[in-house]
Each structure stands twice: as structure tokens, then as C-alpha cells.
Amino acid sequence: MPEAAPQGGGEMPRRAAARLDLGAASHVGRVRSLNEDRFLVAPESGLFAVADGMGGHAAGDVASSAVVQALATIAPAASASDLLARMKAGIASANAEIQKVAQARGTVVGTTLAALLIFAPHFACLWSGDSRIYRVRAGRIAQLSHDHTEVQSLLDRGVLTPEEASLWPGRNAITRAIGVQERPELELDHGLLEPGDVFILCSDGLTQHVADREILGLCVEAADAQGACDALVALTLARGASDNVTVVAVRYLGAPGAMPPEASVP
């Protein structure tokens, strides 16, 4: 269920709201005592997010909470570009707040972020760090985000093979995070929605234990978005859950009045 959602106010969107099937689940895992993950499910504003407070640093939960709380205050936008601008402003505000906490404590404080924006028929993904965004479409899974990690950089340059990367000592070191730099470092991808699209947002607590093909399989088998989230977290827990694990699932059912995806297939 949603942890937070924006309240009313502001200019209402000049389009019918998208029909969405939503799910979310978060667990502290089998090893850690504190869950530093936070998530947002806010269909009213078209915003969905997962934030993972930086492990090993002080106040990781403060950082992830700051980002989610800032995004939860965003009111419905008038256009896709307006929603993106509001999103970026919210992240900038959270980044400044996290930096104040870091300065007061004299340490590094930060959080990853994986965010999905929906303003039908458009979607956008923004991310920083190694929390991921996947899309399942037509029986295939694609990772839309690109990890901001040292090991991913070595893979991109051909220095490491995927097999070597899985054993690399610094594979968990991230190269970007909200709150670490004066300005938030974000990457953006965007596109058009298709009925039946399923977006999975997750912290790396999931992907440390569950392969992409398994994420695809559980999404296809699940009766709904919440079922997919529950199954993914359960599999992670069964495999030891060495970190906090959080999953948000968003299935786009189309515009109001449209046939459901399964009914549109001849």
C-alpha cells in the first residue's frame, strides 16, 4: 500500500487520469535491523518512487525519507513537461535538505532514487544510483535505468566481464546519489505508454538476489501488481535478503473507457 500520497491543490491535469494497477512492498530483510528504503505510490500526481538510503553512511533513512516526502507534496500537473519540472524541483529541494543534514553531522549522507512519472500517454524515468526501473512489455523485460556504480562503469568500458563483475569487491559502490553533490545528478529516459506495460521500481536489495528473467516470470504469473511485489519480496527473503528490499509495481491499463489489454488481443 502507498506510504505517502500528495494532497489536493494546484492546477488539475487537463486530461483523464490513466487507469493503473498498483502494488508496493518493503521489508528490512534478513540481516539489517533498520529499513532505510522508502517508497512513494501517488497515482493522483502520477509519481512513483523508490529511494534507498546509502548503506554504511549515517542517516540513510533520513535521506530517503526526505526525497519521498518532497515528492509526496507535488500536486497534479497540467502537462507532462510540467510534471517533470515539478519533479526536478522536488528533488532539488530534498537534495539541499540532505546536504544540511550532512553538514550538521559532518559526514556523507545520501540516497539512491528510481522514479517513474506517468502523464498518459507519456512516461518518464529518472534515477540516481543503483535502484532500478524495469519495464515488462509483450512478454519481455527491459532495464530502463542504467546503474551508477563503479562496477557498471568497468563493464561499460569492457574492463570486466559480467562473470568478473559479480565477484568484484567494489560492486556495491555507487557513483551517484541524491544529497552527495551540490546539485542532484539524475539520468532521464522517456517514452510512450502501451496498455499492459508493467513498470518495476526496486532497490538493489531485490536485484542482489533475483535475476531479470525471474522478475519477468513473477510479473507474468502474478494476478495483479500487488501480487508481483509480494512474490518478488518473498523470493528475496527466501534467498537470504542481505539488504533491505523494496518493490513498486505500476501496470498501465490504458485510458478510461478503453478495453483492458487482454481484451484487445484478437
Protein backbone atom coordinates (compact mmCIF):
# COMPACT_ATOMS: atom_id res chain seq x y z
CA MET A 1 0.00 0.00 0.00
CA PRO A 2 1.18 3.60 -0.52
CA GLU A 3 3.37 5.10 2.19
CA ALA A 4 2.59 8.63 1.11
CA ALA A 5 0.47 10.47 -1.41
CA PRO A 6 0.19 14.13 -2.33
CA GLN A 7 -2.81 16.06 -1.08
CA GLY A 8 -5.08 18.09 -3.34
CA GLY A 9 -4.47 21.58 -4.58
CA GLY A 10 -2.81 23.16 -7.57
CA GLU A 11 -3.93 23.05 -11.18
CA MET A 12 -5.66 19.83 -12.15
CA PRO A 13 -4.35 17.96 -15.18
CA ARG A 14 -6.06 18.67 -18.49
CA ARG A 15 -6.50 15.01 -19.35
CA ALA A 16 -8.31 11.98 -18.00
CA ALA A 17 -6.35 10.08 -15.39
CA ALA A 18 -4.65 6.89 -16.52
CA ARG A 19 -6.07 3.59 -15.30
CA LEU A 20 -3.38 1.90 -13.23
CA ASP A 21 -2.96 -1.32 -11.27
CA LEU A 22 -0.59 -0.58 -8.39
CA GLY A 23 1.40 -2.52 -5.82
CA ALA A 24 4.20 -1.96 -3.32
CA ALA A 25 6.10 -3.95 -0.70
CA SER A 26 9.10 -3.26 1.51
CA HIS A 27 10.98 -5.41 4.03
CA VAL A 28 14.00 -4.85 6.26
CA GLY A 29 15.47 -8.17 5.08
CA ARG A 30 17.19 -10.97 7.00
CA VAL A 31 20.39 -9.17 8.04
CA ARG A 32 19.86 -5.48 8.74
CA SER A 33 17.96 -4.09 11.74
CA LEU A 34 16.84 -0.81 10.10
CA ASN A 35 14.95 -0.36 6.85
CA GLU A 36 16.48 2.66 5.08
CA ASP A 37 14.33 2.15 1.97
CA ARG A 38 11.34 4.40 1.33
CA PHE A 39 8.77 4.35 -1.46
CA LEU A 40 6.04 6.54 -2.92
CA VAL A 41 2.88 5.50 -4.73
CA ALA A 42 0.96 8.64 -5.73
CA PRO A 43 -1.39 7.97 -8.67
CA GLU A 44 -3.11 11.34 -8.16
CA SER A 45 0.05 13.12 -9.30
CA GLY A 46 1.41 10.32 -11.48
CA LEU A 47 4.53 9.87 -9.34
CA PHE A 48 6.09 6.62 -8.14
CA ALA A 49 9.48 6.21 -6.49
CA VAL A 50 11.88 4.02 -4.56
CA ALA A 51 14.70 5.55 -2.52
CA ASP A 52 17.45 3.55 -0.81
CA GLY A 53 19.40 5.38 1.90
CA MET A 54 23.10 4.84 1.36
CA GLY A 55 24.21 1.79 3.33
CA GLY A 56 27.17 2.32 5.60
CA HIS A 57 26.51 6.04 5.94
CA ALA A 58 24.78 7.86 8.77
CA ALA A 59 21.15 8.92 8.36
CA GLY A 60 20.43 6.91 5.23
CA ASP A 61 16.80 6.68 6.30
CA VAL A 62 16.69 10.46 6.78
CA ALA A 63 17.92 10.95 3.21
CA SER A 64 15.48 8.52 1.61
CA SER A 65 12.60 9.95 3.67
CA ALA A 66 13.50 13.50 2.60
CA VAL A 67 13.25 12.59 -1.08
CA VAL A 68 9.95 10.71 -0.77
CA GLN A 69 8.37 13.40 1.41
CA ALA A 70 9.38 16.13 -1.06
CA LEU A 71 7.86 14.22 -3.97
CA ALA A 72 4.69 13.46 -1.97
CA THR A 73 3.88 17.18 -1.82
CA ILE A 74 3.73 17.54 -5.61
CA ALA A 75 0.22 18.37 -6.82
CA PRO A 76 -1.27 17.14 -10.14
CA ALA A 77 0.41 18.82 -13.09
CA ALA A 78 -1.05 20.46 -16.20
CA SER A 79 1.21 18.67 -18.68
CA ALA A 80 3.96 16.07 -18.91
CA SER A 81 6.63 18.78 -19.02
CA ASP A 82 5.06 20.49 -16.01
CA LEU A 83 5.13 17.24 -14.06
CA LEU A 84 8.80 16.71 -14.93
CA ALA A 85 9.65 20.26 -13.85
CA ARG A 86 7.84 19.80 -10.53
CA MET A 87 9.63 16.50 -10.01
CA LYS A 88 13.05 18.04 -10.59
CA ALA A 89 12.24 20.93 -8.25
CA GLY A 90 11.19 18.49 -5.54
CA ILE A 91 14.40 16.51 -5.89
CA ALA A 92 16.48 19.70 -5.78
CA SER A 93 14.72 20.72 -2.56
CA ALA A 94 15.36 17.31 -0.99
CA ASN A 95 18.99 17.41 -2.13
CA ALA A 96 19.50 20.72 -0.32
CA GLU A 97 17.83 19.38 2.83
CA ILE A 98 20.04 16.27 2.83
CA GLN A 99 23.15 18.39 2.42
CA LYS A 100 22.21 20.39 5.50
CA VAL A 101 21.90 17.16 7.49
CA ALA A 102 25.30 16.00 6.21
CA GLN A 103 26.95 19.29 7.14
CA ALA A 104 25.43 19.21 10.63
CA ARG A 105 26.66 15.66 11.19
CA GLY A 106 30.00 16.11 9.48
CA THR A 107 29.54 13.02 7.31
CA VAL A 108 28.30 11.87 3.91
CA VAL A 109 24.54 11.37 3.68
CA GLY A 110 22.71 10.32 0.55
CA THR A 111 20.14 8.14 -1.12
CA THR A 112 19.58 6.45 -4.43
CA LEU A 113 16.39 7.24 -6.35
CA ALA A 114 14.38 5.42 -9.00
CA ALA A 115 11.30 7.38 -10.06
CA LEU A 116 8.55 6.90 -12.62
CA LEU A 117 6.36 9.74 -13.90
CA ILE A 118 3.12 8.99 -15.75
CA PHE A 119 1.14 11.58 -17.69
CA ALA A 120 -0.67 9.42 -20.22
CA PRO A 121 0.27 8.66 -22.89
CA HIS A 122 3.76 9.71 -21.76
CA PHE A 123 6.09 8.25 -19.14
CA ALA A 124 9.49 9.31 -17.88
CA CYS A 125 12.07 7.61 -15.68
CA LEU A 126 14.58 9.46 -13.51
CA TRP A 127 17.23 7.79 -11.43
CA SER A 128 20.41 8.26 -9.47
CA GLY A 129 22.43 5.36 -8.07
CA ASP A 130 21.69 1.65 -8.36
CA SER A 131 17.99 1.42 -7.59
CA ARG A 132 16.45 0.22 -10.85
CA ILE A 133 13.48 0.69 -13.17
CA TYR A 134 12.33 -2.18 -15.37
CA ARG A 135 9.55 -2.36 -17.94
CA VAL A 136 7.76 -5.57 -18.87
CA ARG A 137 6.13 -5.29 -22.29
CA ALA A 138 4.83 -8.01 -24.61
CA GLY A 139 6.41 -10.77 -22.55
CA ARG A 140 9.85 -9.19 -22.42
CA ILE A 141 11.71 -7.30 -19.70
CA ALA A 142 13.97 -4.29 -20.25
CA GLN A 143 16.04 -2.42 -17.70
CA LEU A 144 15.28 1.24 -18.44
CA SER A 145 17.69 2.64 -15.85
CA HIS A 146 21.46 2.27 -16.01
CA ASP A 147 23.30 1.64 -12.73
CA HIS A 148 25.50 4.45 -11.47
CA THR A 149 28.12 2.16 -9.94
CA GLU A 150 31.85 1.59 -10.25
CA VAL A 151 31.32 -1.95 -11.48
CA GLN A 152 28.84 -0.83 -14.19
CA SER A 153 31.40 1.70 -15.41
CA LEU A 154 34.00 -1.07 -15.67
CA LEU A 155 31.51 -3.25 -17.54
CA ASP A 156 30.67 -0.42 -19.96
CA ARG A 157 34.37 0.06 -20.73
CA GLY A 158 34.95 -3.65 -21.23
CA VAL A 159 37.37 -3.89 -18.31
CA LEU A 160 35.27 -6.59 -16.63
CA THR A 161 33.14 -9.43 -17.92
CA PRO A 162 29.70 -10.00 -16.33
CA GLU A 163 31.13 -13.04 -14.53
CA GLU A 164 34.03 -10.99 -13.13
CA ALA A 165 31.66 -8.17 -12.18
CA SER A 166 29.56 -10.48 -10.00
CA LEU A 167 32.65 -11.12 -7.83
CA TRP A 168 34.18 -7.62 -7.97
CA PRO A 169 34.96 -6.32 -4.44
CA GLY A 170 33.60 -2.85 -5.16
CA ARG A 171 30.42 -3.95 -6.94
CA ASN A 172 28.21 -2.16 -4.41
CA ALA A 173 29.98 1.21 -4.65
CA ILE A 174 27.70 3.79 -6.27
CA THR A 175 28.92 6.81 -8.23
CA ARG A 176 25.81 8.98 -7.96
CA ALA A 177 23.31 9.65 -5.17
CA ILE A 178 20.90 12.37 -4.14
CA GLY A 179 22.37 14.61 -1.43
CA VAL A 180 26.03 13.92 -2.10
CA GLN A 181 26.71 16.74 -4.59
CA GLU A 182 25.62 20.38 -4.52
CA ARG A 183 23.26 19.65 -7.41
CA PRO A 184 21.40 16.33 -7.78
CA GLU A 185 22.83 14.13 -10.52
CA LEU A 186 19.97 12.49 -12.39
CA GLU A 187 19.62 10.49 -15.58
CA LEU A 188 16.42 10.60 -17.64
CA ASP A 189 14.66 8.33 -20.12
CA HIS A 190 11.15 8.72 -21.52
CA GLY A 191 8.70 7.24 -23.98
CA LEU A 192 5.08 6.40 -24.76
CA LEU A 193 2.95 4.03 -22.75
CA GLU A 194 1.32 0.93 -24.17
CA PRO A 195 -1.63 -0.81 -22.45
CA GLY A 196 -0.30 -3.73 -20.44
CA ASP A 197 3.08 -2.14 -19.66
CA VAL A 198 4.32 -3.09 -16.20
CA PHE A 199 6.99 -0.95 -14.55
CA ILE A 200 9.01 -2.37 -11.65
CA LEU A 201 10.90 0.05 -9.41
CA CYS A 202 13.20 -1.58 -6.88
CA SER A 203 16.10 -1.11 -4.52
CA ASP A 204 19.24 -3.19 -5.08
CA GLY A 205 18.13 -5.45 -2.25
CA LEU A 206 15.98 -7.18 -4.87
CA THR A 207 18.49 -7.39 -7.72
CA GLN A 208 21.24 -8.77 -5.47
CA HIS A 209 19.18 -11.95 -5.19
CA VAL A 210 16.72 -12.06 -8.11
CA ALA A 211 17.67 -12.17 -11.80
CA ASP A 212 15.91 -10.15 -14.51
CA ARG A 213 14.34 -13.28 -16.04
CA GLU A 214 12.90 -14.16 -12.62
CA ILE A 215 11.43 -10.69 -12.25
CA LEU A 216 9.80 -11.16 -15.65
CA GLY A 217 8.43 -14.58 -14.72
CA LEU A 218 6.88 -13.43 -11.46
CA CYS A 219 5.34 -10.36 -13.12
CA VAL A 220 3.76 -12.52 -15.83
CA GLU A 221 2.47 -15.09 -13.34
CA ALA A 222 1.07 -12.62 -10.80
CA ALA A 223 -2.64 -11.90 -10.81
CA ASP A 224 -2.05 -8.20 -10.17
CA ALA A 225 0.62 -5.62 -9.36
CA GLN A 226 0.47 -6.23 -5.61
CA GLY A 227 0.85 -9.96 -6.17
CA ALA A 228 4.01 -9.33 -8.22
CA CYS A 229 5.51 -7.19 -5.44
CA ASP A 230 4.68 -9.73 -2.76
CA ALA A 231 6.16 -12.58 -4.81
CA LEU A 232 9.38 -10.68 -5.55
CA VAL A 233 9.94 -9.77 -1.89
CA ALA A 234 9.12 -13.33 -0.80
CA LEU A 235 11.70 -14.77 -3.21
CA THR A 236 14.31 -12.30 -1.95
CA LEU A 237 13.61 -13.29 1.65
CA ALA A 238 13.85 -16.97 0.75
CA ARG A 239 17.34 -16.31 -0.64
CA GLY A 240 18.65 -14.56 2.44
CA ALA A 241 17.72 -10.89 1.84
CA SER A 242 21.12 -9.47 2.77
CA ASP A 243 19.81 -5.90 2.41
CA ASN A 244 16.54 -4.01 2.69
CA VAL A 245 14.27 -4.83 -0.24
CA THR A 246 11.58 -2.60 -1.75
CA VAL A 247 9.47 -3.07 -4.87
CA VAL A 248 6.85 -0.85 -6.51
CA ALA A 249 4.83 -2.15 -9.48
CA VAL A 250 2.80 0.03 -11.85
CA ARG A 251 0.70 -1.57 -14.57
CA TYR A 252 -0.77 0.75 -17.20
CA LEU A 253 -4.27 -0.37 -18.17
CA GLY A 254 -4.91 2.38 -20.70
CA ALA A 255 -7.12 5.44 -20.82
CA PRO A 256 -10.51 5.42 -19.06
CA GLY A 257 -13.09 3.60 -21.16
CA ALA A 258 -10.50 1.64 -23.15
CA MET A 259 -10.64 -2.15 -23.25
CA PRO A 260 -8.24 -3.91 -20.86
CA PRO A 261 -5.04 -5.15 -22.58
CA GLU A 262 -6.13 -8.80 -22.59
CA ALA A 263 -9.46 -7.90 -24.21
CA SER A 264 -7.79 -6.02 -27.07
CA VAL A 265 -5.98 -9.10 -28.38
CA PRO A 266 -7.82 -10.68 -31.34
